[in-house]
Amino acid sequence: MSVSLAGAVTLWFDSAARDLPWRSPDTTPWGVLVSEIMLQQTPVSRVTPAWLSWLARWPTPAAMAADPDQPAAAIRMWGRLGYPRRALRLYECAVAAVERHGGEIPSDLDALLALPGVGSYTARAVAAFAFGQRHPVVDTNVRRFVARAVGGRAEAGPATTQRDLDAVAALLPEAAADAARASAAFMELGAVVCVARSPRCAACPVATTCAWRRAGSPPAEVPGQRTQTYAGTDRQVRGLLLAVLRDADTPVPATRLDIVWPDAVQRDRALATLLADGLVVTPEPGRYALPGAR
């Protein structure tokens, strides 16, 4: 069953996959790593132009590590993608690649896991998609697809990392290249067909064998979590503060940041987290700037 499931989804992927720039055959492992970091909690439509601009400026880890304006340049280039600590992690990965791996992104899973800010999912995604290795690549979309197609459940439930990895690994073909392709196919199907709400079962290549469909498409046992709103949150305030610093050529006085948000307590709390994350520094008392800004 496992090979036939992977085979059916891969055949679908070969004809229906979205044409995304990081899927080009000439994309480097660095380009794959950048895409995976950017795609975390960020829609493809927003990532695509940012990824193209990033690779145009820093086509290699060495180019990024050698940029004299770092890490301020990375934060500025990140723009409004959200969760800007990811920009710092990419810069740190570039430096680590130069210092530890001769300027290349390593292919070994343990070496990938040792890169700054690279976790289990990202390391396996780079190993599979950049190097064609046989690793289970498990994100939310893959977990949901496997829960439905194999487990007969509407949702995957709480993450249990090793069990999820084992469940997906059991579905992969033995050949590394085929497994890597299947991993990409599972993810794509979960992202565009087997979606959380209103799945497009009529377009699914395994609808006739899907355990969830055969069970009558039972609803989720536990209601899904409500999505947190953005407006009024500390995340929004952090973004507004960073926007001022990204546009500034010199350190910004506290008075300029004070007008960004009326709630002084929340504003100070958001600024404190930016300082703690290393996204903002105080080159002199009462003034703020991006780290490394010139």
Protein backbone atom coordinates (compact mmCIF):
# COMPACT_ATOMS: atom_id res chain seq x y z
CA MET A 1 0.00 0.00 0.00
CA SER A 2 2.74 2.49 0.96
CA VAL A 3 4.48 2.44 -2.42
CA SER A 4 1.20 2.70 -4.32
CA LEU A 5 0.11 5.64 -2.18
CA ALA A 6 3.41 7.44 -2.69
CA GLY A 7 3.40 6.54 -6.37
CA ALA A 8 -0.11 7.90 -6.94
CA VAL A 9 0.64 11.15 -5.15
CA THR A 10 3.96 11.55 -6.97
CA LEU A 11 2.31 11.06 -10.36
CA TRP A 12 -0.19 13.74 -9.41
CA PHE A 13 2.63 16.01 -8.27
CA ASP A 14 4.50 15.58 -11.55
CA SER A 15 1.62 17.14 -13.46
CA ALA A 16 -0.06 19.40 -10.90
CA ALA A 17 2.70 20.87 -8.74
CA ARG A 18 2.91 24.63 -8.52
CA ASP A 19 5.76 26.22 -10.46
CA LEU A 20 7.75 27.64 -7.56
CA PRO A 21 11.22 29.13 -8.18
CA TRP A 22 12.97 27.14 -5.43
CA ARG A 23 11.83 23.92 -7.15
CA SER A 24 13.94 24.71 -10.21
CA PRO A 25 16.56 22.01 -10.89
CA ASP A 26 19.35 24.59 -10.69
CA THR A 27 18.38 25.83 -7.23
CA THR A 28 21.31 25.44 -4.86
CA PRO A 29 21.10 23.95 -1.35
CA TRP A 30 21.46 27.52 -0.07
CA GLY A 31 18.41 28.52 -2.11
CA VAL A 32 16.46 25.58 -0.69
CA LEU A 33 17.45 26.51 2.87
CA VAL A 34 16.40 30.13 2.33
CA SER A 35 13.04 29.02 0.95
CA GLU A 36 12.37 26.67 3.85
CA ILE A 37 13.19 29.32 6.45
CA MET A 38 11.06 31.92 4.67
CA LEU A 39 8.10 29.58 4.21
CA GLN A 40 7.71 28.97 7.93
CA GLN A 41 4.31 30.45 8.82
CA THR A 42 4.37 32.62 5.69
CA PRO A 43 2.29 32.17 2.49
CA VAL A 44 4.00 31.23 -0.77
CA SER A 45 2.68 34.38 -2.46
CA ARG A 46 4.62 36.57 -0.03
CA VAL A 47 7.74 34.43 0.01
CA THR A 48 8.30 34.24 -3.75
CA PRO A 49 9.36 37.87 -4.39
CA ALA A 50 11.33 37.98 -1.14
CA TRP A 51 13.18 34.76 -2.04
CA LEU A 52 14.07 36.06 -5.50
CA SER A 53 15.39 39.34 -4.08
CA TRP A 54 17.35 37.56 -1.36
CA LEU A 55 19.09 35.18 -3.77
CA ALA A 56 19.81 38.02 -6.20
CA ARG A 57 21.66 39.89 -3.47
CA TRP A 58 23.19 36.91 -1.67
CA PRO A 59 23.45 33.97 -4.12
CA THR A 60 25.75 32.05 -1.76
CA PRO A 61 26.32 31.80 1.98
CA ALA A 62 29.73 33.39 1.46
CA ALA A 63 28.19 36.43 -0.21
CA MET A 64 25.86 36.94 2.71
CA ALA A 65 28.49 36.35 5.38
CA ALA A 66 30.86 38.83 3.73
CA ASP A 67 28.32 41.65 3.40
CA PRO A 68 29.71 44.46 5.57
CA ASP A 69 26.22 45.72 6.41
CA GLN A 70 25.19 42.54 8.22
CA PRO A 71 23.10 41.70 10.10
CA ALA A 72 21.18 44.95 9.56
CA ALA A 73 21.02 44.21 5.82
CA ALA A 74 19.32 40.87 6.46
CA ILE A 75 16.71 42.47 8.69
CA ARG A 76 16.03 45.19 6.14
CA MET A 77 15.79 42.69 3.29
CA TRP A 78 13.41 40.57 5.34
CA GLY A 79 10.94 43.42 5.24
CA ARG A 80 7.45 42.47 6.44
CA LEU A 81 7.64 38.69 6.09
CA GLY A 82 7.07 38.42 9.83
CA TYR A 83 9.03 36.65 12.56
CA PRO A 84 12.21 38.61 11.68
CA ARG A 85 14.41 36.48 13.91
CA ARG A 86 14.46 34.16 10.90
CA ALA A 87 16.55 36.77 9.06
CA LEU A 88 19.17 36.61 11.80
CA ARG A 89 19.13 32.82 11.73
CA LEU A 90 19.80 32.83 7.97
CA TYR A 91 22.71 35.19 8.44
CA GLU A 92 24.06 32.98 11.22
CA CYS A 93 23.64 29.93 8.98
CA ALA A 94 25.62 31.68 6.26
CA VAL A 95 28.44 32.45 8.69
CA ALA A 96 28.40 28.87 10.00
CA ALA A 97 28.51 27.48 6.46
CA VAL A 98 31.61 29.55 5.73
CA GLU A 99 33.34 28.73 9.01
CA ARG A 100 32.48 25.02 9.19
CA HIS A 101 31.76 23.82 5.66
CA GLY A 102 33.83 25.84 3.21
CA GLY A 103 30.93 28.09 2.26
CA GLU A 104 28.59 25.23 1.36
CA ILE A 105 25.38 24.05 2.98
CA PRO A 106 26.18 20.58 4.34
CA SER A 107 24.33 17.50 3.11
CA ASP A 108 24.67 15.48 6.32
CA LEU A 109 21.54 15.57 8.48
CA ASP A 110 23.40 16.01 11.76
CA ALA A 111 25.45 18.87 10.28
CA LEU A 112 22.25 20.52 9.07
CA LEU A 113 20.69 20.15 12.52
CA ALA A 114 23.77 21.86 13.98
CA LEU A 115 23.23 25.02 11.92
CA PRO A 116 21.82 27.96 13.92
CA GLY A 117 18.04 27.88 14.16
CA VAL A 118 17.65 24.79 11.95
CA GLY A 119 15.26 22.28 13.49
CA SER A 120 14.09 18.79 12.63
CA TYR A 121 11.70 19.78 9.84
CA THR A 122 14.04 22.24 8.10
CA ALA A 123 17.05 19.91 8.25
CA ARG A 124 15.11 17.02 6.73
CA ALA A 125 13.54 19.26 4.10
CA VAL A 126 16.95 20.51 2.94
CA ALA A 127 18.40 16.98 2.99
CA ALA A 128 15.50 15.71 0.88
CA PHE A 129 14.83 18.61 -1.49
CA ALA A 130 18.39 19.86 -1.98
CA PHE A 131 20.29 16.57 -1.81
CA GLY A 132 17.70 13.96 -2.81
CA GLN A 133 18.02 11.97 0.41
CA ARG A 134 15.45 9.64 1.92
CA HIS A 135 14.09 11.44 4.96
CA PRO A 136 10.51 11.90 6.15
CA VAL A 137 9.67 15.59 5.82
CA VAL A 138 6.77 16.33 8.14
CA ASP A 139 4.95 19.63 8.36
CA THR A 140 1.34 20.40 9.30
CA ASN A 141 0.10 19.67 5.79
CA VAL A 142 1.81 16.28 5.64
CA ARG A 143 0.56 15.30 9.08
CA ARG A 144 -3.02 16.13 8.08
CA PHE A 145 -2.78 14.23 4.78
CA VAL A 146 -1.37 11.11 6.45
CA ALA A 147 -3.93 11.29 9.26
CA ARG A 148 -6.71 11.26 6.68
CA ALA A 149 -5.36 8.99 3.96
CA VAL A 150 -3.90 6.37 6.31
CA GLY A 151 -5.38 6.95 9.75
CA GLY A 152 -8.95 7.82 8.78
CA ARG A 153 -8.99 10.91 11.01
CA ALA A 154 -9.99 14.41 10.01
CA GLU A 155 -7.01 15.98 11.78
CA ALA A 156 -3.66 14.69 12.99
CA GLY A 157 -4.05 15.82 16.59
CA PRO A 158 -1.14 16.93 18.80
CA ALA A 159 2.29 16.58 17.25
CA THR A 160 4.36 13.61 18.40
CA THR A 161 7.54 14.14 16.45
CA GLN A 162 9.00 10.64 16.35
CA ARG A 163 5.69 8.92 15.71
CA ASP A 164 4.93 11.37 12.89
CA LEU A 165 8.37 10.80 11.37
CA ASP A 166 7.91 7.02 11.58
CA ALA A 167 4.45 7.19 10.00
CA VAL A 168 5.66 9.20 7.02
CA ALA A 169 8.88 7.20 6.65
CA ALA A 170 6.78 4.04 6.27
CA LEU A 171 5.10 5.57 3.22
CA LEU A 172 8.28 6.52 1.37
CA PRO A 173 9.73 4.46 -1.49
CA GLU A 174 13.08 2.84 -0.76
CA ALA A 175 14.99 4.65 -3.50
CA ALA A 176 16.28 7.96 -2.15
CA ALA A 177 15.39 10.06 -5.20
CA ASP A 178 11.87 8.61 -5.31
CA ALA A 179 11.45 9.18 -1.58
CA ALA A 180 12.53 12.82 -1.86
CA ARG A 181 10.06 13.34 -4.68
CA ALA A 182 7.30 11.68 -2.65
CA SER A 183 8.07 13.93 0.32
CA ALA A 184 7.57 17.00 -1.86
CA ALA A 185 4.40 15.48 -3.29
CA PHE A 186 2.87 14.75 0.13
CA MET A 187 3.54 18.32 1.20
CA GLU A 188 2.06 19.81 -1.96
CA LEU A 189 -1.07 17.68 -1.77
CA GLY A 190 -1.64 18.72 1.84
CA ALA A 191 -1.10 22.37 0.97
CA VAL A 192 -3.42 22.68 -2.05
CA VAL A 193 -5.84 19.70 -2.02
CA CYS A 194 -6.07 18.03 1.39
CA VAL A 195 -6.50 21.37 3.13
CA ALA A 196 -7.79 21.85 6.66
CA ARG A 197 -11.15 23.29 5.68
CA SER A 198 -13.15 22.18 2.65
CA PRO A 199 -10.64 19.66 1.26
CA ARG A 200 -10.80 19.25 -2.52
CA CYS A 201 -11.32 15.51 -2.46
CA ALA A 202 -12.52 15.42 -6.07
CA ALA A 203 -9.03 16.50 -7.14
CA CYS A 204 -7.19 14.07 -4.87
CA PRO A 205 -5.29 11.23 -6.55
CA VAL A 206 -5.92 8.86 -3.63
CA ALA A 207 -9.54 9.77 -2.85
CA THR A 208 -10.80 6.25 -3.62
CA THR A 209 -8.42 4.64 -1.12
CA CYS A 210 -8.40 7.42 1.51
CA ALA A 211 -9.26 5.92 4.89
CA TRP A 212 -11.01 9.09 5.99
CA ARG A 213 -13.26 9.13 2.93
CA ARG A 214 -13.99 5.42 3.25
CA ALA A 215 -15.03 6.07 6.86
CA GLY A 216 -17.55 8.68 5.72
CA SER A 217 -15.34 11.75 6.31
CA PRO A 218 -15.98 11.98 10.08
CA PRO A 219 -15.45 15.45 11.58
CA ALA A 220 -12.53 16.27 13.80
CA GLU A 221 -12.96 15.03 17.36
CA VAL A 222 -11.47 18.21 18.81
CA PRO A 223 -12.31 21.63 17.34
CA GLY A 224 -9.37 23.30 15.68
CA GLN A 225 -7.55 26.05 17.48
CA ARG A 226 -8.63 29.58 16.76
CA THR A 227 -6.16 31.57 14.73
CA GLN A 228 -4.65 34.41 16.73
CA THR A 229 -5.44 37.84 15.36
CA TYR A 230 -2.55 40.12 14.43
CA ALA A 231 -4.02 43.56 15.03
CA GLY A 232 -3.19 44.91 18.46
CA THR A 233 -0.71 42.18 19.38
CA ASP A 234 2.88 42.57 20.47
CA ARG A 235 3.84 41.13 17.08
CA GLN A 236 2.23 44.11 15.37
CA VAL A 237 3.99 46.55 17.67
CA ARG A 238 7.33 44.83 17.07
CA GLY A 239 6.76 45.14 13.34
CA LEU A 240 5.96 48.84 13.58
CA LEU A 241 9.06 49.52 15.65
CA LEU A 242 11.28 47.57 13.27
CA ALA A 243 9.80 49.41 10.28
CA VAL A 244 11.04 52.72 11.73
CA LEU A 245 14.54 51.33 12.26
CA ARG A 246 14.70 49.69 8.82
CA ASP A 247 13.98 53.04 7.17
CA ALA A 248 16.48 54.99 9.28
CA ASP A 249 20.03 55.76 8.21
CA THR A 250 21.18 56.68 11.71
CA PRO A 251 20.25 55.57 15.24
CA VAL A 252 16.73 56.56 16.14
CA PRO A 253 15.90 58.47 19.36
CA ALA A 254 13.35 56.95 21.70
CA THR A 255 10.97 59.82 20.99
CA ARG A 256 10.54 58.60 17.39
CA LEU A 257 9.60 55.15 18.62
CA ASP A 258 7.21 56.57 21.20
CA ILE A 259 4.82 57.78 18.50
CA VAL A 260 4.60 54.36 16.86
CA TRP A 261 2.15 52.94 19.41
CA PRO A 262 0.06 54.76 22.03
CA ASP A 263 0.22 52.12 24.76
CA ALA A 264 3.56 52.81 26.44
CA VAL A 265 3.55 49.58 28.45
CA GLN A 266 2.97 47.40 25.39
CA ARG A 267 5.41 49.43 23.31
CA ASP A 268 8.17 49.09 25.91
CA ARG A 269 7.45 45.36 26.22
CA ALA A 270 7.70 44.87 22.45
CA LEU A 271 10.92 46.89 22.29
CA ALA A 272 12.40 44.85 25.13
CA THR A 273 11.76 41.61 23.24
CA LEU A 274 13.39 43.05 20.11
CA LEU A 275 16.47 43.91 22.17
CA ALA A 276 16.47 40.46 23.76
CA ASP A 277 16.20 38.80 20.32
CA GLY A 278 19.18 40.77 19.01
CA LEU A 279 17.07 42.49 16.35
CA VAL A 280 17.66 45.94 17.89
CA VAL A 281 20.67 47.40 19.67
CA THR A 282 21.36 50.60 21.59
CA PRO A 283 24.58 52.10 20.17
CA GLU A 284 24.21 54.96 22.64
CA PRO A 285 21.83 55.68 25.52
CA GLY A 286 18.33 56.56 24.39
CA ARG A 287 18.94 55.66 20.73
CA TYR A 288 18.11 52.47 18.85
CA ALA A 289 19.32 50.86 15.63
CA LEU A 290 19.49 47.58 13.77
CA PRO A 291 22.53 45.46 14.71
CA GLY A 292 25.51 46.22 12.50
CA ALA A 293 23.79 49.18 10.84
CA ARG A 294 26.17 51.69 9.26
